[in-house]
Amino acid sequence: MMTVGWTLCFLGVVVLLIAALGLLRLPDALARQHAATKAGTLGLGLLILGAGLAAGRWDWTPRLLLLLALLMVSLPLASHALARAAARSGPESPADETGTRPRGK
């Protein structure tokens, strides 16, 4: 069980690193939010399951399952709220030559 647990932890960290890379590389707010939420949920889920298996003690199982359930409920809801806010604010303003937003926008 230890090997499976550590493998799941490693896979969770890899997925979270890919999500972080997506935050840096993707072009707009909705794409960045999508990468962070989908990969973040999967990565944290793998990490929590791996930690539960690697711990070897079953008294942590209810706590980890509760944490996993809270993440599975709250991360998609937060993602939806952020996506609605980004969609309602309109397209991102083009940056001027200094890299800042134009005045008056």
PDB file of N, CA and C in Angstrom:
ATOM      1  N   MET A   1       0.815  -1.211   0.000  1.00  0.00           N
ATOM      2  CA  MET A   1       0.000   0.000   0.000  1.00  0.00           C
ATOM      3  C   MET A   1       0.849   1.261   0.000  1.00  0.00           C
ATOM      4  N   MET A   2       2.026   1.177   0.612  1.00  0.00           N
ATOM      5  CA  MET A   2       2.903   2.347   0.653  1.00  0.00           C
ATOM      6  C   MET A   2       3.334   2.757  -0.758  1.00  0.00           C
ATOM      7  N   THR A   3       3.669   1.786  -1.584  1.00  0.00           N
ATOM      8  CA  THR A   3       4.123   2.088  -2.939  1.00  0.00           C
ATOM      9  C   THR A   3       3.000   2.729  -3.746  1.00  0.00           C
ATOM     10  N   VAL A   4       1.804   2.206  -3.631  1.00  0.00           N
ATOM     11  CA  VAL A   4       0.654   2.777  -4.344  1.00  0.00           C
ATOM     12  C   VAL A   4       0.382   4.190  -3.834  1.00  0.00           C
ATOM     13  N   GLY A   5       0.461   4.376  -2.530  1.00  0.00           N
ATOM     14  CA  GLY A   5       0.225   5.698  -1.948  1.00  0.00           C
ATOM     15  C   GLY A   5       1.224   6.736  -2.420  1.00  0.00           C
ATOM     16  N   TRP A   6       2.495   6.372  -2.394  1.00  0.00           N
ATOM     17  CA  TRP A   6       3.523   7.316  -2.845  1.00  0.00           C
ATOM     18  C   TRP A   6       3.430   7.569  -4.345  1.00  0.00           C
ATOM     19  N   THR A   7       3.025   6.568  -5.108  1.00  0.00           N
ATOM     20  CA  THR A   7       2.830   6.760  -6.546  1.00  0.00           C
ATOM     21  C   THR A   7       1.702   7.744  -6.812  1.00  0.00           C
ATOM     22  N   LEU A   8       0.605   7.597  -6.064  1.00  0.00           N
ATOM     23  CA  LEU A   8      -0.510   8.545  -6.222  1.00  0.00           C
ATOM     24  C   LEU A   8      -0.097   9.955  -5.802  1.00  0.00           C
ATOM     25  N   CYS A   9       0.684  10.066  -4.732  1.00  0.00           N
ATOM     26  CA  CYS A   9       1.180  11.384  -4.312  1.00  0.00           C
ATOM     27  C   CYS A   9       2.049  12.005  -5.397  1.00  0.00           C
ATOM     28  N   PHE A  10       2.940  11.211  -5.972  1.00  0.00           N
ATOM     29  CA  PHE A  10       3.809  11.711  -7.038  1.00  0.00           C
ATOM     30  C   PHE A  10       2.986  12.154  -8.249  1.00  0.00           C
ATOM     31  N   LEU A  11       2.001  11.352  -8.654  1.00  0.00           N
ATOM     32  CA  LEU A  11       1.144  11.724  -9.779  1.00  0.00           C
ATOM     33  C   LEU A  11       0.355  12.999  -9.484  1.00  0.00           C
ATOM     34  N   GLY A  12      -0.103  13.138  -8.244  1.00  0.00           N
ATOM     35  CA  GLY A  12      -0.816  14.357  -7.856  1.00  0.00           C
ATOM     36  C   GLY A  12       0.058  15.587  -7.963  1.00  0.00           C
ATOM     37  N   VAL A  13       1.313  15.468  -7.538  1.00  0.00           N
ATOM     38  CA  VAL A  13       2.240  16.606  -7.640  1.00  0.00           C
ATOM     39  C   VAL A  13       2.530  16.934  -9.100  1.00  0.00           C
ATOM     40  N   VAL A  14       2.680  15.915  -9.942  1.00  0.00           N
ATOM     41  CA  VAL A  14       2.928  16.149 -11.366  1.00  0.00           C
ATOM     42  C   VAL A  14       1.738  16.873 -11.996  1.00  0.00           C
ATOM     43  N   VAL A  15       0.532  16.442 -11.681  1.00  0.00           N
ATOM     44  CA  VAL A  15      -0.665  17.095 -12.233  1.00  0.00           C
ATOM     45  C   VAL A  15      -0.762  18.543 -11.740  1.00  0.00           C
ATOM     46  N   LEU A  16      -0.423  18.791 -10.474  1.00  0.00           N
ATOM     47  CA  LEU A  16      -0.451  20.163  -9.960  1.00  0.00           C
ATOM     48  C   LEU A  16       0.617  21.032 -10.632  1.00  0.00           C
ATOM     49  N   LEU A  17       1.772  20.469 -10.930  1.00  0.00           N
ATOM     50  CA  LEU A  17       2.800  21.227 -11.645  1.00  0.00           C
ATOM     51  C   LEU A  17       2.349  21.561 -13.072  1.00  0.00           C
ATOM     52  N   ILE A  18       1.670  20.626 -13.716  1.00  0.00           N
ATOM     53  CA  ILE A  18       1.133  20.894 -15.054  1.00  0.00           C
ATOM     54  C   ILE A  18       0.075  21.994 -14.983  1.00  0.00           C
ATOM     55  N   ALA A  19      -0.747  21.975 -13.932  1.00  0.00           N
ATOM     56  CA  ALA A  19      -1.749  23.034 -13.761  1.00  0.00           C
ATOM     57  C   ALA A  19      -1.073  24.387 -13.559  1.00  0.00           C
ATOM     58  N   ALA A  20       0.008  24.414 -12.786  1.00  0.00           N
ATOM     59  CA  ALA A  20       0.734  25.667 -12.575  1.00  0.00           C
ATOM     60  C   ALA A  20       1.345  26.161 -13.878  1.00  0.00           C
ATOM     61  N   LEU A  21       1.848  25.256 -14.684  1.00  0.00           N
ATOM     62  CA  LEU A  21       2.394  25.637 -15.986  1.00  0.00           C
ATOM     63  C   LEU A  21       1.281  26.193 -16.886  1.00  0.00           C
ATOM     64  N   GLY A  22       0.100  25.595 -16.792  1.00  0.00           N
ATOM     65  CA  GLY A  22      -1.038  26.101 -17.561  1.00  0.00           C
ATOM     66  C   GLY A  22      -1.428  27.510 -17.144  1.00  0.00           C
ATOM     67  N   LEU A  23      -1.311  27.825 -15.859  1.00  0.00           N
ATOM     68  CA  LEU A  23      -1.612  29.182 -15.399  1.00  0.00           C
ATOM     69  C   LEU A  23      -0.651  30.196 -15.995  1.00  0.00           C
ATOM     70  N   LEU A  24       0.576  29.779 -16.199  1.00  0.00           N
ATOM     71  CA  LEU A  24       1.563  30.698 -16.753  1.00  0.00           C
ATOM     72  C   LEU A  24       1.488  30.807 -18.269  1.00  0.00           C
ATOM     73  N   ARG A  25       1.076  29.748 -18.943  1.00  0.00           N
ATOM     74  CA  ARG A  25       1.174  29.697 -20.399  1.00  0.00           C
ATOM     75  C   ARG A  25      -0.116  30.025 -21.147  1.00  0.00           C
ATOM     76  N   LEU A  26      -1.261  29.813 -20.534  1.00  0.00           N
ATOM     77  CA  LEU A  26      -2.520  29.996 -21.271  1.00  0.00           C
ATOM     78  C   LEU A  26      -2.849  31.473 -21.452  1.00  0.00           C
ATOM     79  N   PRO A  27      -3.539  31.818 -22.549  1.00  0.00           N
ATOM     80  CA  PRO A  27      -3.656  33.212 -22.951  1.00  0.00           C
ATOM     81  C   PRO A  27      -4.678  34.059 -22.190  1.00  0.00           C
ATOM     82  N   ASP A  28      -5.822  33.510 -21.839  1.00  0.00           N
ATOM     83  CA  ASP A  28      -6.858  34.361 -21.246  1.00  0.00           C
ATOM     84  C   ASP A  28      -7.311  33.816 -19.894  1.00  0.00           C
ATOM     85  N   ALA A  29      -8.146  34.616 -19.235  1.00  0.00           N
ATOM     86  CA  ALA A  29      -8.562  34.289 -17.866  1.00  0.00           C
ATOM     87  C   ALA A  29      -9.370  32.997 -17.804  1.00  0.00           C
ATOM     88  N   LEU A  30     -10.261  32.782 -18.765  1.00  0.00           N
ATOM     89  CA  LEU A  30     -11.091  31.578 -18.714  1.00  0.00           C
ATOM     90  C   LEU A  30     -10.276  30.316 -18.936  1.00  0.00           C
ATOM     91  N   ALA A  31      -9.315  30.354 -19.817  1.00  0.00           N
ATOM     92  CA  ALA A  31      -8.459  29.187 -20.048  1.00  0.00           C
ATOM     93  C   ALA A  31      -7.590  28.910 -18.828  1.00  0.00           C
ATOM     94  N   ARG A  32      -7.059  29.955 -18.209  1.00  0.00           N
ATOM     95  CA  ARG A  32      -6.247  29.768 -16.993  1.00  0.00           C
ATOM     96  C   ARG A  32      -7.087  29.213 -15.859  1.00  0.00           C
ATOM     97  N   GLN A  33      -8.294  29.721 -15.725  1.00  0.00           N
ATOM     98  CA  GLN A  33      -9.187  29.241 -14.672  1.00  0.00           C
ATOM     99  C   GLN A  33      -9.550  27.782 -14.904  1.00  0.00           C
ATOM    100  N   HIS A  34      -9.768  27.398 -16.142  1.00  0.00           N
ATOM    101  CA  HIS A  34     -10.109  26.020 -16.468  1.00  0.00           C
ATOM    102  C   HIS A  34      -8.952  25.083 -16.121  1.00  0.00           C
ATOM    103  N   ALA A  35      -7.752  25.477 -16.471  1.00  0.00           N
ATOM    104  CA  ALA A  35      -6.579  24.642 -16.165  1.00  0.00           C
ATOM    105  C   ALA A  35      -6.379  24.505 -14.672  1.00  0.00           C
ATOM    106  N   ALA A  36      -6.535  25.596 -13.964  1.00  0.00           N
ATOM    107  CA  ALA A  36      -6.315  25.548 -12.517  1.00  0.00           C
ATOM    108  C   ALA A  36      -7.359  24.694 -11.815  1.00  0.00           C
ATOM    109  N   THR A  37      -8.598  24.796 -12.235  1.00  0.00           N
ATOM    110  CA  THR A  37      -9.657  24.078 -11.542  1.00  0.00           C
ATOM    111  C   THR A  37      -9.656  22.590 -11.863  1.00  0.00           C
ATOM    112  N   LYS A  38      -9.642  22.258 -13.135  1.00  0.00           N
ATOM    113  CA  LYS A  38      -9.730  20.837 -13.510  1.00  0.00           C
ATOM    114  C   LYS A  38      -8.504  20.073 -13.044  1.00  0.00           C
ATOM    115  N   ALA A  39      -7.328  20.571 -13.389  1.00  0.00           N
ATOM    116  CA  ALA A  39      -6.106  19.869 -12.997  1.00  0.00           C
ATOM    117  C   ALA A  39      -5.871  19.978 -11.495  1.00  0.00           C
ATOM    118  N   GLY A  40      -6.249  21.094 -10.908  1.00  0.00           N
ATOM    119  CA  GLY A  40      -6.093  21.253  -9.463  1.00  0.00           C
ATOM    120  C   GLY A  40      -6.948  20.276  -8.679  1.00  0.00           C
ATOM    121  N   THR A  41      -8.177  20.081  -9.110  1.00  0.00           N
ATOM    122  CA  THR A  41      -9.060  19.130  -8.444  1.00  0.00           C
ATOM    123  C   THR A  41      -8.524  17.711  -8.565  1.00  0.00           C
ATOM    124  N   LEU A  42      -8.099  17.335  -9.752  1.00  0.00           N
ATOM    125  CA  LEU A  42      -7.544  15.995  -9.951  1.00  0.00           C
ATOM    126  C   LEU A  42      -6.253  15.817  -9.169  1.00  0.00           C
ATOM    127  N   GLY A  43      -5.365  16.806  -9.225  1.00  0.00           N
ATOM    128  CA  GLY A  43      -4.091  16.708  -8.530  1.00  0.00           C
ATOM    129  C   GLY A  43      -4.255  16.616  -7.023  1.00  0.00           C
ATOM    130  N   LEU A  44      -5.122  17.450  -6.457  1.00  0.00           N
ATOM    131  CA  LEU A  44      -5.350  17.386  -5.009  1.00  0.00           C
ATOM    132  C   LEU A  44      -6.043  16.095  -4.609  1.00  0.00           C
ATOM    133  N   GLY A  45      -6.949  15.610  -5.452  1.00  0.00           N
ATOM    134  CA  GLY A  45      -7.593  14.330  -5.168  1.00  0.00           C
ATOM    135  C   GLY A  45      -6.594  13.182  -5.135  1.00  0.00           C
ATOM    136  N   LEU A  46      -5.704  13.144  -6.119  1.00  0.00           N
ATOM    137  CA  LEU A  46      -4.672  12.108  -6.131  1.00  0.00           C
ATOM    138  C   LEU A  46      -3.743  12.239  -4.930  1.00  0.00           C
ATOM    139  N   LEU A  47      -3.389  13.463  -4.585  1.00  0.00           N
ATOM    140  CA  LEU A  47      -2.502  13.691  -3.455  1.00  0.00           C
ATOM    141  C   LEU A  47      -3.141  13.259  -2.138  1.00  0.00           C
ATOM    142  N   ILE A  48      -4.407  13.564  -1.959  1.00  0.00           N
ATOM    143  CA  ILE A  48      -5.106  13.173  -0.724  1.00  0.00           C
ATOM    144  C   ILE A  48      -5.264  11.665  -0.649  1.00  0.00           C
ATOM    145  N   LEU A  49      -5.667  11.039  -1.754  1.00  0.00           N
ATOM    146  CA  LEU A  49      -5.796   9.576  -1.747  1.00  0.00           C
ATOM    147  C   LEU A  49      -4.448   8.910  -1.506  1.00  0.00           C
ATOM    148  N   GLY A  50      -3.411   9.430  -2.124  1.00  0.00           N
ATOM    149  CA  GLY A  50      -2.074   8.885  -1.921  1.00  0.00           C
ATOM    150  C   GLY A  50      -1.595   9.051  -0.494  1.00  0.00           C
ATOM    151  N   ALA A  51      -1.878  10.198   0.092  1.00  0.00           N
ATOM    152  CA  ALA A  51      -1.484  10.420   1.481  1.00  0.00           C
ATOM    153  C   ALA A  51      -2.216   9.467   2.420  1.00  0.00           C
ATOM    154  N   GLY A  52      -3.482   9.219   2.117  1.00  0.00           N
ATOM    155  CA  GLY A  52      -4.237   8.274   2.942  1.00  0.00           C
ATOM    156  C   GLY A  52      -3.680   6.867   2.863  1.00  0.00           C
ATOM    157  N   LEU A  53      -3.289   6.445   1.676  1.00  0.00           N
ATOM    158  CA  LEU A  53      -2.728   5.104   1.523  1.00  0.00           C
ATOM    159  C   LEU A  53      -1.306   5.022   2.084  1.00  0.00           C
ATOM    160  N   ALA A  54      -0.534   6.089   1.918  1.00  0.00           N
ATOM    161  CA  ALA A  54       0.848   6.070   2.393  1.00  0.00           C
ATOM    162  C   ALA A  54       0.937   6.175   3.907  1.00  0.00           C
ATOM    163  N   ALA A  55      -0.076   6.745   4.539  1.00  0.00           N
ATOM    164  CA  ALA A  55      -0.029   6.911   5.998  1.00  0.00           C
ATOM    165  C   ALA A  55      -0.035   5.568   6.714  1.00  0.00           C
ATOM    166  N   GLY A  56      -0.757   4.621   6.169  1.00  0.00           N
ATOM    167  CA  GLY A  56      -0.788   3.299   6.784  1.00  0.00           C
ATOM    168  C   GLY A  56      -1.680   3.212   8.009  1.00  0.00           C
ATOM    169  N   ARG A  57      -2.214   4.315   8.449  1.00  0.00           N
ATOM    170  CA  ARG A  57      -3.126   4.334   9.600  1.00  0.00           C
ATOM    171  C   ARG A  57      -4.515   4.682   9.091  1.00  0.00           C
ATOM    172  N   TRP A  58      -5.476   3.895   9.462  1.00  0.00           N
ATOM    173  CA  TRP A  58      -6.829   4.078   8.942  1.00  0.00           C
ATOM    174  C   TRP A  58      -7.651   5.085   9.736  1.00  0.00           C
ATOM    175  N   ASP A  59      -7.101   5.612  10.841  1.00  0.00           N
ATOM    176  CA  ASP A  59      -7.866   6.606  11.597  1.00  0.00           C
ATOM    177  C   ASP A  59      -7.915   7.957  10.886  1.00  0.00           C
ATOM    178  N   TRP A  60      -7.051   8.176   9.888  1.00  0.00           N
ATOM    179  CA  TRP A  60      -7.073   9.398   9.103  1.00  0.00           C
ATOM    180  C   TRP A  60      -8.054   9.338   7.942  1.00  0.00           C
ATOM    181  N   THR A  61      -8.555   8.163   7.638  1.00  0.00           N
ATOM    182  CA  THR A  61      -9.411   7.990   6.463  1.00  0.00           C
ATOM    183  C   THR A  61     -10.656   8.876   6.477  1.00  0.00           C
ATOM    184  N   PRO A  62     -11.426   8.954   7.576  1.00  0.00           N
ATOM    185  CA  PRO A  62     -12.615   9.827   7.539  1.00  0.00           C
ATOM    186  C   PRO A  62     -12.257  11.299   7.314  1.00  0.00           C
ATOM    187  N   ARG A  63     -11.167  11.757   7.901  1.00  0.00           N
ATOM    188  CA  ARG A  63     -10.771  13.156   7.723  1.00  0.00           C
ATOM    189  C   ARG A  63     -10.369  13.434   6.277  1.00  0.00           C
ATOM    190  N   LEU A  64      -9.600  12.514   5.709  1.00  0.00           N
ATOM    191  CA  LEU A  64      -9.167  12.715   4.329  1.00  0.00           C
ATOM    192  C   LEU A  64     -10.339  12.627   3.345  1.00  0.00           C
ATOM    193  N   LEU A  65     -11.269  11.730   3.609  1.00  0.00           N
ATOM    194  CA  LEU A  65     -12.453  11.640   2.750  1.00  0.00           C
ATOM    195  C   LEU A  65     -13.322  12.888   2.864  1.00  0.00           C
ATOM    196  N   LEU A  66     -13.430  13.437   4.067  1.00  0.00           N
ATOM    197  CA  LEU A  66     -14.175  14.682   4.250  1.00  0.00           C
ATOM    198  C   LEU A  66     -13.490  15.831   3.509  1.00  0.00           C
ATOM    199  N   LEU A  67     -12.167  15.890   3.611  1.00  0.00           N
ATOM    200  CA  LEU A  67     -11.425  16.916   2.893  1.00  0.00           C
ATOM    201  C   LEU A  67     -11.599  16.767   1.388  1.00  0.00           C
ATOM    202  N   LEU A  68     -11.550  15.545   0.903  1.00  0.00           N
ATOM    203  CA  LEU A  68     -11.741  15.293  -0.525  1.00  0.00           C
ATOM    204  C   LEU A  68     -13.148  15.688  -0.970  1.00  0.00           C
ATOM    205  N   ALA A  69     -14.158  15.369  -0.159  1.00  0.00           N
ATOM    206  CA  ALA A  69     -15.532  15.745  -0.503  1.00  0.00           C
ATOM    207  C   ALA A  69     -15.699  17.268  -0.527  1.00  0.00           C
ATOM    208  N   LEU A  70     -15.106  17.962   0.441  1.00  0.00           N
ATOM    209  CA  LEU A  70     -15.194  19.425   0.451  1.00  0.00           C
ATOM    210  C   LEU A  70     -14.512  20.036  -0.767  1.00  0.00           C
ATOM    211  N   LEU A  71     -13.376  19.491  -1.154  1.00  0.00           N
ATOM    212  CA  LEU A  71     -12.694  19.991  -2.349  1.00  0.00           C
ATOM    213  C   LEU A  71     -13.505  19.732  -3.612  1.00  0.00           C
ATOM    214  N   MET A  72     -14.107  18.559  -3.708  1.00  0.00           N
ATOM    215  CA  MET A  72     -14.890  18.217  -4.897  1.00  0.00           C
ATOM    216  C   MET A  72     -16.138  19.084  -5.022  1.00  0.00           C
ATOM    217  N   VAL A  73     -16.623  19.603  -3.906  1.00  0.00           N
ATOM    218  CA  VAL A  73     -17.792  20.489  -3.950  1.00  0.00           C
ATOM    219  C   VAL A  73     -17.368  21.940  -4.144  1.00  0.00           C
ATOM    220  N   SER A  74     -16.354  22.393  -3.416  1.00  0.00           N
ATOM    221  CA  SER A  74     -16.034  23.819  -3.414  1.00  0.00           C
ATOM    222  C   SER A  74     -15.223  24.269  -4.629  1.00  0.00           C
ATOM    223  N   LEU A  75     -14.308  23.462  -5.136  1.00  0.00           N
ATOM    224  CA  LEU A  75     -13.496  23.908  -6.269  1.00  0.00           C
ATOM    225  C   LEU A  75     -14.318  24.147  -7.540  1.00  0.00           C
ATOM    226  N   PRO A  76     -15.221  23.248  -7.933  1.00  0.00           N
ATOM    227  CA  PRO A  76     -16.043  23.568  -9.111  1.00  0.00           C
ATOM    228  C   PRO A  76     -16.974  24.772  -8.907  1.00  0.00           C
ATOM    229  N   LEU A  77     -17.485  24.944  -7.696  1.00  0.00           N
ATOM    230  CA  LEU A  77     -18.346  26.099  -7.441  1.00  0.00           C
ATOM    231  C   LEU A  77     -17.557  27.400  -7.525  1.00  0.00           C
ATOM    232  N   ALA A  78     -16.366  27.411  -6.958  1.00  0.00           N
ATOM    233  CA  ALA A  78     -15.524  28.605  -7.037  1.00  0.00           C
ATOM    234  C   ALA A  78     -15.124  28.882  -8.488  1.00  0.00           C
ATOM    235  N   SER A  79     -14.840  27.828  -9.224  1.00  0.00           N
ATOM    236  CA  SER A  79     -14.486  27.981 -10.631  1.00  0.00           C
ATOM    237  C   SER A  79     -15.641  28.591 -11.423  1.00  0.00           C
ATOM    238  N   HIS A  80     -16.837  28.127 -11.153  1.00  0.00           N
ATOM    239  CA  HIS A  80     -18.007  28.652 -11.846  1.00  0.00           C
ATOM    240  C   HIS A  80     -18.210  30.131 -11.526  1.00  0.00           C
ATOM    241  N   ALA A  81     -18.051  30.502 -10.266  1.00  0.00           N
ATOM    242  CA  ALA A  81     -18.206  31.901  -9.879  1.00  0.00           C
ATOM    243  C   ALA A  81     -17.151  32.780 -10.547  1.00  0.00           C
ATOM    244  N   LEU A  82     -15.907  32.308 -10.607  1.00  0.00           N
ATOM    245  CA  LEU A  82     -14.857  33.080 -11.269  1.00  0.00           C
ATOM    246  C   LEU A  82     -15.097  33.198 -12.770  1.00  0.00           C
ATOM    247  N   ALA A  83     -15.582  32.123 -13.382  1.00  0.00           N
ATOM    248  CA  ALA A  83     -15.857  32.161 -14.821  1.00  0.00           C
ATOM    249  C   ALA A  83     -16.987  33.134 -15.132  1.00  0.00           C
ATOM    250  N   ARG A  84     -18.011  33.151 -14.299  1.00  0.00           N
ATOM    251  CA  ARG A  84     -19.109  34.107 -14.523  1.00  0.00           C
ATOM    252  C   ARG A  84     -18.642  35.534 -14.367  1.00  0.00           C
ATOM    253  N   ALA A  85     -17.808  35.774 -13.356  1.00  0.00           N
ATOM    254  CA  ALA A  85     -17.291  37.133 -13.158  1.00  0.00           C
ATOM    255  C   ALA A  85     -16.420  37.556 -14.330  1.00  0.00           C
ATOM    256  N   ALA A  86     -15.594  36.646 -14.834  1.00  0.00           N
ATOM    257  CA  ALA A  86     -14.739  36.982 -15.975  1.00  0.00           C
ATOM    258  C   ALA A  86     -15.575  37.209 -17.232  1.00  0.00           C
ATOM    259  N   ALA A  87     -16.612  36.422 -17.434  1.00  0.00           N
ATOM    260  CA  ALA A  87     -17.460  36.580 -18.612  1.00  0.00           C
ATOM    261  C   ALA A  87     -18.254  37.875 -18.553  1.00  0.00           C
ATOM    262  N   ARG A  88     -18.701  38.244 -17.373  1.00  0.00           N
ATOM    263  CA  ARG A  88     -19.488  39.476 -17.244  1.00  0.00           C
ATOM    264  C   ARG A  88     -18.636  40.731 -17.362  1.00  0.00           C
ATOM    265  N   SER A  89     -17.341  40.629 -17.041  1.00  0.00           N
ATOM    266  CA  SER A  89     -16.484  41.811 -17.107  1.00  0.00           C
ATOM    267  C   SER A  89     -16.066  42.115 -18.540  1.00  0.00           C
ATOM    268  N   GLY A  90     -16.320  41.208 -19.474  1.00  0.00           N
ATOM    269  CA  GLY A  90     -15.996  41.447 -20.871  1.00  0.00           C
ATOM    270  C   GLY A  90     -14.594  40.994 -21.204  1.00  0.00           C
ATOM    271  N   PRO A  91     -14.217  41.213 -22.456  1.00  0.00           N
ATOM    272  CA  PRO A  91     -12.877  40.782 -22.878  1.00  0.00           C
ATOM    273  C   PRO A  91     -11.800  41.601 -22.180  1.00  0.00           C
ATOM    274  N   GLU A  92     -10.632  40.994 -22.069  1.00  0.00           N
ATOM    275  CA  GLU A  92      -9.514  41.694 -21.453  1.00  0.00           C
ATOM    276  C   GLU A  92      -9.067  42.842 -22.339  1.00  0.00           C
ATOM    277  N   SER A  93      -8.705  43.943 -21.728  1.00  0.00           N
ATOM    278  CA  SER A  93      -8.247  45.104 -22.479  1.00  0.00           C
ATOM    279  C   SER A  93      -6.854  44.852 -23.027  1.00  0.00           C
ATOM    280  N   PRO A  94      -6.584  45.352 -24.231  1.00  0.00           N
ATOM    281  CA  PRO A  94      -5.227  45.177 -24.758  1.00  0.00           C
ATOM    282  C   PRO A  94      -4.238  46.006 -23.958  1.00  0.00           C
ATOM    283  N   ALA A  95      -3.065  45.488 -23.781  1.00  0.00           N
ATOM    284  CA  ALA A  95      -2.033  46.204 -23.030  1.00  0.00           C
ATOM    285  C   ALA A  95      -1.332  47.211 -23.940  1.00  0.00           C
ATOM    286  N   ASP A  96      -0.945  48.331 -23.353  1.00  0.00           N
ATOM    287  CA  ASP A  96      -0.174  49.274 -24.142  1.00  0.00           C
ATOM    288  C   ASP A  96       1.295  48.850 -24.143  1.00  0.00           C
ATOM    289  N   GLU A  97       2.158  49.678 -24.681  1.00  0.00           N
ATOM    290  CA  GLU A  97       3.553  49.280 -24.833  1.00  0.00           C
ATOM    291  C   GLU A  97       4.275  49.085 -23.504  1.00  0.00           C
ATOM    292  N   THR A  98       3.750  49.635 -22.400  1.00  0.00           N
ATOM    293  CA  THR A  98       4.400  49.432 -21.092  1.00  0.00           C
ATOM    294  C   THR A  98       3.915  48.174 -20.407  1.00  0.00           C
ATOM    295  N   GLY A  99       2.908  47.507 -20.962  1.00  0.00           N
ATOM    296  CA  GLY A  99       2.399  46.279 -20.363  1.00  0.00           C
ATOM    297  C   GLY A  99       1.296  46.522 -19.347  1.00  0.00           C
ATOM    298  N   THR A 100       0.796  47.757 -19.260  1.00  0.00           N
ATOM    299  CA  THR A 100      -0.285  48.049 -18.314  1.00  0.00           C
ATOM    300  C   THR A 100      -1.571  48.238 -19.092  1.00  0.00           C
ATOM    301  N   ARG A 101      -2.672  48.238 -18.379  1.00  0.00           N
ATOM    302  CA  ARG A 101      -3.959  48.450 -19.021  1.00  0.00           C
ATOM    303  C   ARG A 101      -4.117  49.914 -19.422  1.00  0.00           C
ATOM    304  N   PRO A 102      -4.775  50.195 -20.540  1.00  0.00           N
ATOM    305  CA  PRO A 102      -4.994  51.575 -20.954  1.00  0.00           C
ATOM    306  C   PRO A 102      -5.858  52.317 -19.933  1.00  0.00           C
ATOM    307  N   ARG A 103      -5.640  53.612 -19.833  1.00  0.00           N
ATOM    308  CA  ARG A 103      -6.438  54.410 -18.897  1.00  0.00           C
ATOM    309  C   ARG A 103      -7.863  54.553 -19.404  1.00  0.00           C
ATOM    310  N   GLY A 104      -8.772  54.661 -18.456  1.00  0.00           N
ATOM    311  CA  GLY A 104     -10.168  54.838 -18.813  1.00  0.00           C
ATOM    312  C   GLY A 104     -10.911  53.548 -19.033  1.00  0.00           C
ATOM    313  N   LYS A 105     -10.272  52.421 -18.856  1.00  0.00           N
ATOM    314  CA  LYS A 105     -10.936  51.141 -19.055  1.00  0.00           C
ATOM    315  C   LYS A 105     -11.130  50.460 -17.738  1.00  0.00           C
TER     316      LYS A 105
END
